[in-house]
Amino acid sequence: MPTPPKPYLVLKAEKKSHRTKAELKLREEGEKALATGAALKERPEVKANPIAHKEFLRINKLLKNMEKNDAIYEPIINRYCLLQAECVDLENKREKIFEQAQRLEEKLDKLGDEVEFDVLRTVTRDLADIYKTMGSIDKQIQSKRKMLLDIEKENIMTIAAALRSIPKKVDKEENPLLKALRSDA
């Protein structure tokens, strides 16, 4: 797969491109046409969630540095931030459940052989339920992580695809004299 073309800003910063001024101008105009010109805005649900808000600010800063802080990416970035917050929340819940299971096991170990069979069976069943719940939370976390990865890939691919859609070369207009000569023949 060929390397994607460099954005206009990179070419301008490098100051060493084989492209003509007309090609560079066309590239700049093409890149500008792909952007709305409006900055990303944080949705209220993202702003209300401290983890999602922090992630939004981080990503927004990165996109500003890349000059890709455009409203066209707003829904994707807001959704990504909320998913990130949900992931962190599920991980915290999983840790709390794990700590409870450990405390239950420690209490069971302290009782040792003095535990009645019915109590042992009940505690064992409760532990099995706790670990089953942890497994279900792990599945949810993995599902959300996959969604995050998909968004990350798509977001990067969208930017790359947008850059690839910009024509590299200026369409050369045919010399009017040659055109006139060819039409007479």
N, C-alpha and C. Protein backbone atom coordinates (compact mmCIF):
# COMPACT_ATOMS: atom_id res chain seq x y z
N MET A 1 0.85 -1.18 0.00
CA MET A 1 0.00 0.00 0.00
C MET A 1 0.89 1.23 0.00
N PRO A 2 0.64 2.16 -0.91
CA PRO A 2 1.50 3.34 -0.99
C PRO A 2 1.31 4.26 0.22
N THR A 3 2.34 5.03 0.47
CA THR A 3 2.29 5.99 1.56
C THR A 3 1.29 7.08 1.20
N PRO A 4 0.41 7.47 2.15
CA PRO A 4 -0.54 8.53 1.82
C PRO A 4 0.18 9.85 1.59
N PRO A 5 -0.41 10.71 0.79
CA PRO A 5 0.24 11.99 0.51
C PRO A 5 0.32 12.85 1.76
N LYS A 6 1.33 13.69 1.80
CA LYS A 6 1.51 14.57 2.95
C LYS A 6 0.52 15.72 2.88
N PRO A 7 0.01 16.14 4.04
CA PRO A 7 -0.88 17.30 4.05
C PRO A 7 -0.14 18.57 3.62
N TYR A 8 -0.91 19.55 3.21
CA TYR A 8 -0.34 20.81 2.73
C TYR A 8 0.57 21.45 3.78
N LEU A 9 0.12 21.45 5.04
CA LEU A 9 0.91 22.09 6.09
C LEU A 9 2.28 21.44 6.26
N VAL A 10 2.34 20.13 6.09
CA VAL A 10 3.62 19.43 6.20
C VAL A 10 4.52 19.82 5.03
N LEU A 11 3.94 19.83 3.86
CA LEU A 11 4.72 20.22 2.67
C LEU A 11 5.23 21.65 2.80
N LYS A 12 4.39 22.52 3.31
CA LYS A 12 4.76 23.92 3.49
C LYS A 12 5.88 24.05 4.53
N ALA A 13 5.78 23.29 5.61
CA ALA A 13 6.78 23.36 6.67
C ALA A 13 8.12 22.80 6.22
N GLU A 14 8.08 21.75 5.42
CA GLU A 14 9.32 21.13 4.94
C GLU A 14 10.08 22.02 3.96
N LYS A 15 9.33 22.82 3.22
CA LYS A 15 9.91 23.75 2.24
C LYS A 15 10.78 23.04 1.20
N LYS A 16 10.46 21.78 0.93
CA LYS A 16 11.22 21.07 -0.10
C LYS A 16 10.31 20.07 -0.80
N SER A 17 9.43 20.59 -1.60
CA SER A 17 8.50 19.73 -2.31
C SER A 17 8.74 19.86 -3.81
N HIS A 18 8.53 18.78 -4.51
CA HIS A 18 8.68 18.80 -5.96
C HIS A 18 7.41 19.32 -6.64
N ARG A 19 6.40 19.61 -5.84
CA ARG A 19 5.14 20.09 -6.39
C ARG A 19 5.23 21.57 -6.77
N THR A 20 4.48 21.92 -7.79
CA THR A 20 4.48 23.32 -8.23
C THR A 20 3.60 24.14 -7.30
N LYS A 21 3.70 25.45 -7.42
CA LYS A 21 2.86 26.33 -6.58
C LYS A 21 1.39 26.07 -6.85
N ALA A 22 1.05 25.82 -8.10
CA ALA A 22 -0.35 25.54 -8.45
C ALA A 22 -0.82 24.24 -7.78
N GLU A 23 0.03 23.22 -7.79
CA GLU A 23 -0.33 21.96 -7.13
C GLU A 23 -0.49 22.16 -5.62
N LEU A 24 0.41 22.91 -5.02
CA LEU A 24 0.32 23.17 -3.58
C LEU A 24 -0.94 23.96 -3.24
N LYS A 25 -1.27 24.92 -4.10
CA LYS A 25 -2.47 25.73 -3.87
C LYS A 25 -3.71 24.84 -3.98
N LEU A 26 -3.75 23.98 -4.98
CA LEU A 26 -4.87 23.07 -5.15
C LEU A 26 -5.00 22.14 -3.95
N ARG A 27 -3.88 21.68 -3.46
CA ARG A 27 -3.88 20.80 -2.29
C ARG A 27 -4.42 21.53 -1.06
N GLU A 28 -3.96 22.77 -0.87
CA GLU A 28 -4.43 23.57 0.27
C GLU A 28 -5.94 23.80 0.18
N GLU A 29 -6.41 24.16 -0.98
CA GLU A 29 -7.85 24.40 -1.18
C GLU A 29 -8.65 23.11 -0.97
N GLY A 30 -8.11 22.00 -1.44
CA GLY A 30 -8.79 20.72 -1.25
C GLY A 30 -8.90 20.34 0.21
N GLU A 31 -7.85 20.56 0.97
CA GLU A 31 -7.87 20.26 2.41
C GLU A 31 -8.85 21.17 3.14
N LYS A 32 -8.87 22.43 2.75
CA LYS A 32 -9.81 23.37 3.39
C LYS A 32 -11.25 23.00 3.08
N ALA A 33 -11.51 22.46 1.89
CA ALA A 33 -12.86 22.07 1.51
C ALA A 33 -13.36 20.88 2.31
N LEU A 34 -12.45 20.11 2.87
CA LEU A 34 -12.84 18.93 3.66
C LEU A 34 -13.17 19.29 5.11
N ALA A 35 -12.95 20.51 5.50
CA ALA A 35 -13.19 20.93 6.87
C ALA A 35 -14.36 21.90 6.92
N THR A 36 -15.06 21.90 8.05
CA THR A 36 -16.20 22.81 8.21
C THR A 36 -15.74 24.20 8.63
N GLY A 37 -14.58 24.28 9.24
CA GLY A 37 -14.10 25.55 9.75
C GLY A 37 -14.57 25.84 11.16
N ALA A 38 -15.50 25.04 11.65
CA ALA A 38 -16.00 25.20 13.02
C ALA A 38 -15.23 24.25 13.94
N ALA A 39 -14.96 24.70 15.15
CA ALA A 39 -14.20 23.89 16.10
C ALA A 39 -15.10 22.83 16.75
N LEU A 40 -14.46 21.79 17.24
CA LEU A 40 -15.16 20.75 17.99
C LEU A 40 -15.89 21.35 19.19
N LYS A 41 -17.07 20.82 19.49
CA LYS A 41 -17.79 21.26 20.69
C LYS A 41 -18.08 20.03 21.53
N GLU A 42 -17.94 20.22 22.82
CA GLU A 42 -18.19 19.14 23.77
C GLU A 42 -19.69 19.07 24.05
N ARG A 43 -20.24 17.88 23.96
CA ARG A 43 -21.66 17.68 24.25
C ARG A 43 -21.90 17.73 25.75
N PRO A 44 -23.11 18.09 26.16
CA PRO A 44 -23.40 18.22 27.61
C PRO A 44 -23.15 16.93 28.40
N GLU A 45 -23.49 15.78 27.82
CA GLU A 45 -23.28 14.52 28.54
C GLU A 45 -21.80 14.22 28.74
N VAL A 46 -20.97 14.68 27.83
CA VAL A 46 -19.52 14.51 27.97
C VAL A 46 -19.00 15.46 29.04
N LYS A 47 -19.49 16.68 29.00
CA LYS A 47 -19.06 17.69 29.97
C LYS A 47 -19.46 17.29 31.39
N ALA A 48 -20.61 16.62 31.53
CA ALA A 48 -21.11 16.22 32.86
C ALA A 48 -20.32 15.06 33.46
N ASN A 49 -19.67 14.27 32.61
CA ASN A 49 -18.91 13.12 33.08
C ASN A 49 -17.44 13.53 33.22
N PRO A 50 -16.88 13.52 34.45
CA PRO A 50 -15.51 14.01 34.65
C PRO A 50 -14.46 13.26 33.83
N ILE A 51 -14.60 11.96 33.70
CA ILE A 51 -13.61 11.17 32.95
C ILE A 51 -13.72 11.48 31.46
N ALA A 52 -14.95 11.51 30.95
CA ALA A 52 -15.16 11.81 29.53
C ALA A 52 -14.71 13.24 29.22
N HIS A 53 -14.98 14.16 30.13
CA HIS A 53 -14.58 15.56 29.94
C HIS A 53 -13.06 15.69 29.84
N LYS A 54 -12.37 15.00 30.74
CA LYS A 54 -10.91 15.04 30.74
C LYS A 54 -10.36 14.47 29.43
N GLU A 55 -10.94 13.37 28.95
CA GLU A 55 -10.52 12.75 27.70
C GLU A 55 -10.81 13.68 26.51
N PHE A 56 -11.96 14.34 26.54
CA PHE A 56 -12.31 15.28 25.47
C PHE A 56 -11.28 16.41 25.40
N LEU A 57 -10.93 16.96 26.55
CA LEU A 57 -9.95 18.04 26.57
C LEU A 57 -8.60 17.58 26.02
N ARG A 58 -8.19 16.36 26.37
CA ARG A 58 -6.93 15.81 25.88
C ARG A 58 -6.95 15.66 24.36
N ILE A 59 -8.01 15.05 23.85
CA ILE A 59 -8.11 14.81 22.40
C ILE A 59 -8.26 16.13 21.65
N ASN A 60 -9.05 17.03 22.20
CA ASN A 60 -9.25 18.32 21.57
C ASN A 60 -7.92 19.06 21.43
N LYS A 61 -7.09 18.99 22.46
CA LYS A 61 -5.78 19.64 22.42
C LYS A 61 -4.90 19.02 21.33
N LEU A 62 -4.91 17.69 21.25
CA LEU A 62 -4.14 17.00 20.22
C LEU A 62 -4.61 17.38 18.81
N LEU A 63 -5.92 17.41 18.64
CA LEU A 63 -6.46 17.76 17.33
C LEU A 63 -6.17 19.21 16.96
N LYS A 64 -6.17 20.09 17.96
CA LYS A 64 -5.81 21.49 17.70
C LYS A 64 -4.36 21.57 17.21
N ASN A 65 -3.49 20.82 17.86
CA ASN A 65 -2.08 20.82 17.46
C ASN A 65 -1.90 20.31 16.04
N MET A 66 -2.76 19.39 15.62
CA MET A 66 -2.68 18.84 14.27
C MET A 66 -3.49 19.67 13.27
N GLU A 67 -4.17 20.68 13.78
CA GLU A 67 -5.08 21.51 12.99
C GLU A 67 -6.18 20.66 12.37
N LYS A 68 -6.66 19.67 13.13
CA LYS A 68 -7.77 18.82 12.72
C LYS A 68 -8.93 18.95 13.70
N ASN A 69 -8.95 20.03 14.47
CA ASN A 69 -9.99 20.28 15.46
C ASN A 69 -11.21 20.82 14.73
N ASP A 70 -11.92 19.94 14.04
CA ASP A 70 -13.02 20.36 13.20
C ASP A 70 -14.32 19.70 13.66
N ALA A 71 -15.40 20.42 13.52
CA ALA A 71 -16.72 19.94 13.96
C ALA A 71 -17.16 18.67 13.23
N ILE A 72 -16.57 18.37 12.09
CA ILE A 72 -16.93 17.17 11.34
C ILE A 72 -16.64 15.91 12.17
N TYR A 73 -15.67 16.00 13.07
CA TYR A 73 -15.30 14.86 13.91
C TYR A 73 -16.01 14.88 15.27
N GLU A 74 -16.85 15.88 15.50
CA GLU A 74 -17.50 16.08 16.80
C GLU A 74 -18.26 14.86 17.33
N PRO A 75 -19.16 14.25 16.55
CA PRO A 75 -19.89 13.10 17.09
C PRO A 75 -18.98 11.93 17.45
N ILE A 76 -17.98 11.70 16.61
CA ILE A 76 -17.06 10.58 16.84
C ILE A 76 -16.27 10.81 18.12
N ILE A 77 -15.73 11.99 18.30
CA ILE A 77 -14.89 12.28 19.46
C ILE A 77 -15.72 12.26 20.73
N ASN A 78 -16.92 12.83 20.71
CA ASN A 78 -17.78 12.80 21.90
C ASN A 78 -18.16 11.37 22.28
N ARG A 79 -18.51 10.56 21.28
CA ARG A 79 -18.85 9.16 21.53
C ARG A 79 -17.65 8.41 22.09
N TYR A 80 -16.49 8.66 21.53
CA TYR A 80 -15.26 8.03 22.00
C TYR A 80 -15.01 8.35 23.47
N CYS A 81 -15.17 9.60 23.83
CA CYS A 81 -14.93 10.03 25.22
C CYS A 81 -15.91 9.36 26.19
N LEU A 82 -17.16 9.25 25.78
CA LEU A 82 -18.15 8.58 26.63
C LEU A 82 -17.82 7.09 26.78
N LEU A 83 -17.42 6.45 25.70
CA LEU A 83 -17.04 5.04 25.77
C LEU A 83 -15.83 4.84 26.68
N GLN A 84 -14.88 5.76 26.58
CA GLN A 84 -13.70 5.70 27.44
C GLN A 84 -14.11 5.78 28.91
N ALA A 85 -15.03 6.67 29.22
CA ALA A 85 -15.51 6.83 30.60
C ALA A 85 -16.26 5.58 31.06
N GLU A 86 -17.07 5.01 30.17
CA GLU A 86 -17.79 3.78 30.51
C GLU A 86 -16.82 2.64 30.80
N CYS A 87 -15.76 2.57 30.03
CA CYS A 87 -14.73 1.54 30.22
C CYS A 87 -14.10 1.68 31.61
N VAL A 88 -13.72 2.89 31.95
CA VAL A 88 -13.10 3.14 33.26
C VAL A 88 -14.08 2.79 34.38
N ASP A 89 -15.35 3.15 34.20
CA ASP A 89 -16.37 2.86 35.21
C ASP A 89 -16.53 1.35 35.41
N LEU A 90 -16.58 0.61 34.31
CA LEU A 90 -16.70 -0.85 34.41
C LEU A 90 -15.47 -1.48 35.07
N GLU A 91 -14.30 -0.96 34.74
CA GLU A 91 -13.07 -1.47 35.36
C GLU A 91 -13.07 -1.23 36.87
N ASN A 92 -13.55 -0.06 37.29
CA ASN A 92 -13.65 0.24 38.73
C ASN A 92 -14.64 -0.69 39.42
N LYS A 93 -15.79 -0.93 38.77
CA LYS A 93 -16.78 -1.85 39.35
C LYS A 93 -16.21 -3.26 39.46
N ARG A 94 -15.49 -3.67 38.45
CA ARG A 94 -14.87 -5.01 38.48
C ARG A 94 -13.90 -5.12 39.64
N GLU A 95 -13.10 -4.08 39.86
CA GLU A 95 -12.15 -4.09 40.97
C GLU A 95 -12.86 -4.17 42.32
N LYS A 96 -13.95 -3.45 42.47
CA LYS A 96 -14.72 -3.49 43.73
C LYS A 96 -15.27 -4.89 43.97
N ILE A 97 -15.81 -5.49 42.94
CA ILE A 97 -16.34 -6.85 43.06
C ILE A 97 -15.23 -7.82 43.42
N PHE A 98 -14.06 -7.66 42.79
CA PHE A 98 -12.93 -8.53 43.08
C PHE A 98 -12.49 -8.39 44.54
N GLU A 99 -12.45 -7.15 45.03
CA GLU A 99 -12.08 -6.92 46.44
C GLU A 99 -13.08 -7.59 47.38
N GLN A 100 -14.36 -7.52 47.05
CA GLN A 100 -15.38 -8.18 47.88
C GLN A 100 -15.19 -9.69 47.87
N ALA A 101 -14.88 -10.24 46.73
CA ALA A 101 -14.64 -11.68 46.64
C ALA A 101 -13.43 -12.07 47.48
N GLN A 102 -12.38 -11.26 47.45
CA GLN A 102 -11.19 -11.56 48.24
C GLN A 102 -11.51 -11.52 49.74
N ARG A 103 -12.30 -10.51 50.16
CA ARG A 103 -12.67 -10.42 51.58
C ARG A 103 -13.49 -11.63 52.00
N LEU A 104 -14.39 -12.05 51.15
CA LEU A 104 -15.21 -13.22 51.45
C LEU A 104 -14.35 -14.47 51.57
N GLU A 105 -13.38 -14.62 50.68
CA GLU A 105 -12.48 -15.77 50.74
C GLU A 105 -11.61 -15.73 52.00
N GLU A 106 -11.14 -14.54 52.38
CA GLU A 106 -10.34 -14.41 53.60
C GLU A 106 -11.15 -14.79 54.84
N LYS A 107 -12.39 -14.36 54.90
CA LYS A 107 -13.25 -14.71 56.04
C LYS A 107 -13.48 -16.22 56.09
N LEU A 108 -13.66 -16.80 54.91
CA LEU A 108 -13.86 -18.24 54.84
C LEU A 108 -12.61 -18.99 55.30
N ASP A 109 -11.43 -18.48 54.89
CA ASP A 109 -10.17 -19.09 55.31
C ASP A 109 -9.96 -18.97 56.81
N LYS A 110 -10.36 -17.85 57.42
CA LYS A 110 -10.21 -17.66 58.86
C LYS A 110 -11.06 -18.65 59.64
N LEU A 111 -12.24 -18.93 59.10
CA LEU A 111 -13.11 -19.88 59.79
C LEU A 111 -12.54 -21.30 59.71
N GLY A 112 -11.85 -21.57 58.62
CA GLY A 112 -11.19 -22.87 58.46
C GLY A 112 -12.16 -24.03 58.45
N ASP A 113 -11.81 -25.08 59.26
CA ASP A 113 -12.61 -26.31 59.29
C ASP A 113 -13.86 -26.17 60.14
N GLU A 114 -14.01 -25.05 60.83
CA GLU A 114 -15.15 -24.85 61.72
C GLU A 114 -16.43 -24.52 60.94
N VAL A 115 -16.33 -24.34 59.65
CA VAL A 115 -17.47 -23.93 58.84
C VAL A 115 -18.40 -25.11 58.62
N GLU A 116 -19.68 -24.83 58.80
CA GLU A 116 -20.68 -25.87 58.54
C GLU A 116 -20.83 -26.04 57.04
N PHE A 117 -21.26 -27.21 56.65
CA PHE A 117 -21.38 -27.54 55.23
C PHE A 117 -22.32 -26.58 54.51
N ASP A 118 -23.48 -26.28 55.12
CA ASP A 118 -24.45 -25.38 54.47
C ASP A 118 -23.87 -23.98 54.26
N VAL A 119 -23.12 -23.49 55.25
CA VAL A 119 -22.50 -22.17 55.14
C VAL A 119 -21.44 -22.20 54.05
N LEU A 120 -20.64 -23.26 54.02
CA LEU A 120 -19.60 -23.41 53.01
C LEU A 120 -20.20 -23.44 51.61
N ARG A 121 -21.27 -24.19 51.46
CA ARG A 121 -21.94 -24.29 50.16
C ARG A 121 -22.51 -22.94 49.73
N THR A 122 -23.11 -22.21 50.65
CA THR A 122 -23.67 -20.89 50.35
C THR A 122 -22.58 -19.90 49.95
N VAL A 123 -21.48 -19.89 50.71
CA VAL A 123 -20.39 -18.97 50.42
C VAL A 123 -19.75 -19.33 49.08
N THR A 124 -19.57 -20.61 48.83
CA THR A 124 -18.98 -21.05 47.56
C THR A 124 -19.87 -20.64 46.39
N ARG A 125 -21.16 -20.79 46.56
CA ARG A 125 -22.11 -20.39 45.52
C ARG A 125 -22.04 -18.87 45.29
N ASP A 126 -21.95 -18.12 46.40
CA ASP A 126 -21.83 -16.66 46.29
C ASP A 126 -20.55 -16.27 45.58
N LEU A 127 -19.45 -16.93 45.90
CA LEU A 127 -18.18 -16.65 45.23
C LEU A 127 -18.28 -16.96 43.73
N ALA A 128 -18.92 -18.07 43.40
CA ALA A 128 -19.09 -18.43 41.98
C ALA A 128 -19.90 -17.35 41.26
N ASP A 129 -20.95 -16.85 41.92
CA ASP A 129 -21.75 -15.78 41.32
C ASP A 129 -20.93 -14.51 41.13
N ILE A 130 -20.10 -14.21 42.13
CA ILE A 130 -19.25 -13.01 42.04
C ILE A 130 -18.29 -13.14 40.86
N TYR A 131 -17.65 -14.29 40.73
CA TYR A 131 -16.70 -14.47 39.63
C TYR A 131 -17.41 -14.51 38.27
N LYS A 132 -18.63 -15.01 38.26
CA LYS A 132 -19.43 -15.00 37.03
C LYS A 132 -19.75 -13.55 36.63
N THR A 133 -20.09 -12.74 37.62
CA THR A 133 -20.35 -11.33 37.37
C THR A 133 -19.11 -10.63 36.85
N MET A 134 -17.97 -10.96 37.45
CA MET A 134 -16.70 -10.37 36.99
C MET A 134 -16.43 -10.74 35.53
N GLY A 135 -16.72 -11.99 35.18
CA GLY A 135 -16.54 -12.44 33.80
C GLY A 135 -17.44 -11.67 32.84
N SER A 136 -18.67 -11.43 33.26
CA SER A 136 -19.60 -10.68 32.40
C SER A 136 -19.15 -9.23 32.25
N ILE A 137 -18.62 -8.65 33.33
CA ILE A 137 -18.09 -7.28 33.26
C ILE A 137 -16.87 -7.25 32.33
N ASP A 138 -16.02 -8.26 32.43
CA ASP A 138 -14.86 -8.34 31.54
C ASP A 138 -15.28 -8.38 30.07
N LYS A 139 -16.36 -9.12 29.78
CA LYS A 139 -16.87 -9.18 28.40
C LYS A 139 -17.34 -7.80 27.94
N GLN A 140 -18.03 -7.09 28.84
CA GLN A 140 -18.50 -5.74 28.50
C GLN A 140 -17.32 -4.80 28.26
N ILE A 141 -16.30 -4.92 29.11
CA ILE A 141 -15.11 -4.08 28.95
C ILE A 141 -14.44 -4.37 27.61
N GLN A 142 -14.29 -5.65 27.28
CA GLN A 142 -13.66 -6.02 26.01
C GLN A 142 -14.47 -5.49 24.83
N SER A 143 -15.79 -5.57 24.94
CA SER A 143 -16.66 -5.07 23.88
C SER A 143 -16.47 -3.56 23.70
N LYS A 144 -16.41 -2.84 24.79
CA LYS A 144 -16.22 -1.38 24.73
C LYS A 144 -14.82 -1.05 24.21
N ARG A 145 -13.83 -1.82 24.63
CA ARG A 145 -12.48 -1.58 24.13
C ARG A 145 -12.40 -1.80 22.62
N LYS A 146 -13.11 -2.80 22.13
CA LYS A 146 -13.15 -3.04 20.68
C LYS A 146 -13.80 -1.87 19.98
N MET A 147 -14.89 -1.35 20.57
CA MET A 147 -15.53 -0.17 19.98
C MET A 147 -14.56 1.02 19.96
N LEU A 148 -13.82 1.19 21.04
CA LEU A 148 -12.84 2.28 21.10
C LEU A 148 -11.79 2.13 20.01
N LEU A 149 -11.30 0.91 19.86
CA LEU A 149 -10.28 0.66 18.84
C LEU A 149 -10.85 0.90 17.44
N ASP A 150 -12.07 0.47 17.22
CA ASP A 150 -12.70 0.69 15.92
C ASP A 150 -12.84 2.19 15.62
N ILE A 151 -13.24 2.94 16.64
CA ILE A 151 -13.37 4.40 16.46
C ILE A 151 -12.01 5.00 16.18
N GLU A 152 -11.00 4.56 16.92
CA GLU A 152 -9.65 5.10 16.70
C GLU A 152 -9.19 4.82 15.28
N LYS A 153 -9.38 3.58 14.83
CA LYS A 153 -8.96 3.22 13.47
C LYS A 153 -9.74 4.02 12.44
N GLU A 154 -11.04 4.09 12.62
CA GLU A 154 -11.88 4.78 11.65
C GLU A 154 -11.56 6.26 11.62
N ASN A 155 -11.32 6.82 12.77
CA ASN A 155 -11.02 8.25 12.82
C ASN A 155 -9.71 8.54 12.08
N ILE A 156 -8.73 7.73 12.30
CA ILE A 156 -7.46 7.91 11.60
C ILE A 156 -7.65 7.65 10.11
N MET A 157 -8.37 6.60 9.78
CA MET A 157 -8.58 6.27 8.38
C MET A 157 -9.40 7.35 7.69
N THR A 158 -10.32 7.96 8.39
CA THR A 158 -11.14 9.01 7.80
C THR A 158 -10.26 10.20 7.44
N ILE A 159 -9.38 10.58 8.32
CA ILE A 159 -8.47 11.69 8.04
C ILE A 159 -7.57 11.33 6.87
N ALA A 160 -7.02 10.12 6.89
CA ALA A 160 -6.14 9.68 5.81
C ALA A 160 -6.91 9.61 4.49
N ALA A 161 -8.14 9.09 4.56
CA ALA A 161 -8.94 9.00 3.34
C ALA A 161 -9.25 10.39 2.80
N ALA A 162 -9.50 11.32 3.69
CA ALA A 162 -9.77 12.69 3.26
C ALA A 162 -8.55 13.27 2.56
N LEU A 163 -7.38 13.00 3.10
CA LEU A 163 -6.16 13.50 2.46
C LEU A 163 -5.91 12.83 1.12
N ARG A 164 -6.25 11.55 1.01
CA ARG A 164 -6.05 10.84 -0.25
C ARG A 164 -7.00 11.33 -1.33
N SER A 165 -8.16 11.87 -0.91
CA SER A 165 -9.14 12.30 -1.91
C SER A 165 -8.77 13.63 -2.56
N ILE A 166 -7.77 14.30 -2.03
CA ILE A 166 -7.33 15.57 -2.60
C ILE A 166 -6.44 15.28 -3.79
N PRO A 167 -6.73 15.87 -4.94
CA PRO A 167 -5.89 15.59 -6.11
C PRO A 167 -4.46 16.07 -5.89
N LYS A 168 -3.52 15.25 -6.31
CA LYS A 168 -2.10 15.59 -6.15
C LYS A 168 -1.64 16.54 -7.24
N LYS A 169 -2.15 16.37 -8.41
CA LYS A 169 -1.68 17.13 -9.57
C LYS A 169 -2.76 18.09 -10.06
N VAL A 170 -2.31 19.20 -10.59
CA VAL A 170 -3.22 20.16 -11.20
C VAL A 170 -3.54 19.66 -12.60
N ASP A 171 -4.82 19.69 -12.96
CA ASP A 171 -5.18 19.31 -14.32
C ASP A 171 -4.61 20.34 -15.28
N LYS A 172 -3.78 19.88 -16.18
CA LYS A 172 -3.15 20.79 -17.13
C LYS A 172 -4.16 21.11 -18.24
N GLU A 173 -4.36 22.39 -18.40
CA GLU A 173 -5.26 22.80 -19.47
C GLU A 173 -4.51 22.67 -20.80
N GLU A 174 -5.23 22.24 -21.78
CA GLU A 174 -4.62 22.06 -23.08
C GLU A 174 -4.38 23.43 -23.72
N ASN A 175 -3.27 23.54 -24.40
CA ASN A 175 -2.92 24.77 -25.10
C ASN A 175 -4.01 25.07 -26.14
N PRO A 176 -4.64 26.29 -26.05
CA PRO A 176 -5.73 26.60 -26.98
C PRO A 176 -5.30 26.56 -28.45
N LEU A 177 -4.06 26.92 -28.72
CA LEU A 177 -3.57 26.90 -30.11
C LEU A 177 -3.52 25.46 -30.63
N LEU A 178 -2.98 24.55 -29.78
CA LEU A 178 -2.93 23.14 -30.19
C LEU A 178 -4.33 22.57 -30.35
N LYS A 179 -5.24 22.96 -29.51
CA LYS A 179 -6.61 22.48 -29.58
C LYS A 179 -7.25 22.92 -30.89
N ALA A 180 -7.01 24.18 -31.26
CA ALA A 180 -7.57 24.71 -32.50
C ALA A 180 -6.99 24.01 -33.72
N LEU A 181 -5.66 23.73 -33.67
CA LEU A 181 -5.01 23.06 -34.79
C LEU A 181 -5.54 21.62 -34.95
N ARG A 182 -5.77 20.94 -33.82
CA ARG A 182 -6.25 19.55 -33.87
C ARG A 182 -7.68 19.47 -34.38
N SER A 183 -8.48 20.46 -34.05
CA SER A 183 -9.88 20.40 -34.48
C SER A 183 -10.03 20.64 -35.98
N ASP A 184 -9.07 21.35 -36.56
CA ASP A 184 -9.12 21.61 -38.02
C ASP A 184 -8.70 20.39 -38.82
N ALA A 185 -7.93 19.53 -38.24
CA ALA A 185 -7.37 18.43 -38.99
C ALA A 185 -8.34 17.35 -39.30
